[in-house]
Amino acid sequence: MRKKAVSPATRREAARKLTEQGVCSIRSACRILRLARSTYRYRGKPPSERQKAMHRRMAELSERHPRYGYRRIVALLRQEGWAVGKRQVQRWRKDAGLRVPPTRKKRVRQGVSTGLPTQALYRGHVWSWDFIADSTVRGGSVRILTILDEYTRECHVLRADRALKSKDVLEWLQKAIQEHGAPAYLRSDNGPEFIATIAQRWLKENGVRTLYIEPGSPWQNGFVESFHGRFRDECLNREQFHTLTECRVVTGDYRQEYNQFRPHSRLGYLSPAAYAQRIGPSPVPVGLRPPSTGDGQFAVNQQPSTNA
């Protein structure tokens, strides 16, 4: 089934083919296709120097961020001072073959939830943490710990290691708390690192309440799952890691770019850092007492291990 001729350019091309093949005159072709003869005779103007420069910059941004759609490319161009419209960039990218294939839609969850998770109402209200797995070229496993602020979407931790136990998870949580303050709630699945006695005891002592999702229900931890989808699509699927050190460098660079520069659609196409700066500090600061030095506890000034 042929595509319906809707746009003026499509109808103009159809009218030109009819006249070139001798089917009918120009006047008849325009009448049949409901095309003004002035539109038929129209010839587009060559792009200006400014438009050429904008095209080059759009191509550079698209090459640097091949998984960014036209909306994020528009946001980046506007941040640089270009006056450009969304449809304009969408048309240019389509003509240049830079269109990003849409992701496959997931099946909508059926049924009624038995409980509503706590929604983040301010900065530092609810953090989410989870793991994402990858591997090196030689087949070595890599686990990456993610700690995310659900309100500002800031990624506080993105730590890659061969294995991460409860002790390691708490070390990186302490580092994030020292820099950003303690959250009121911490959302996670029921992984052994998160439900371990050491972790639960430390969180309870320091007044951080836990929100464990139902087993087999990753949609209840949607913020960190959404981040992992973008992280895998824009970073992990594009890179091959030969060593653990290389993986740490690449993921660290991605975290920096995600927080500081990547436009976020849910934040009005601001980066998480820019959005956090706009809203200011948390209206309800949550303190953190120094952890005890008992079994399984760590001093606040202890630095996380960096050994591979």
Foldseek 3Di string as FASTA:
>chain_A
DDDDQDDLVSLLVVLVVCVVVVVDHSVVSCVVSVHDVVSNPDDDDDDDPVVVVVLVVLVVVCVVFLQDALVQSVLQVVVVPDDDDSVVSNVSCVVVVSHHDDDDDDDDDDDDDPDADDDDDWWQAEKEKDWDWDAAPVGQIKIWIWIATRPLRATQGTDIDSDAALLLVVQSQLVSCVVANHYQEYEYEPDCSCPPPLNVVQCVVFNYHYHYDDPPCCVSVVSVVVVVVCCCVRFVVVDHHNDRVVVRVRVVVVSVCQQQPGQDVVQVGHRSVVSDVVVDHTPDGRHTDFTDPDPSHDGSPDHRDPDD
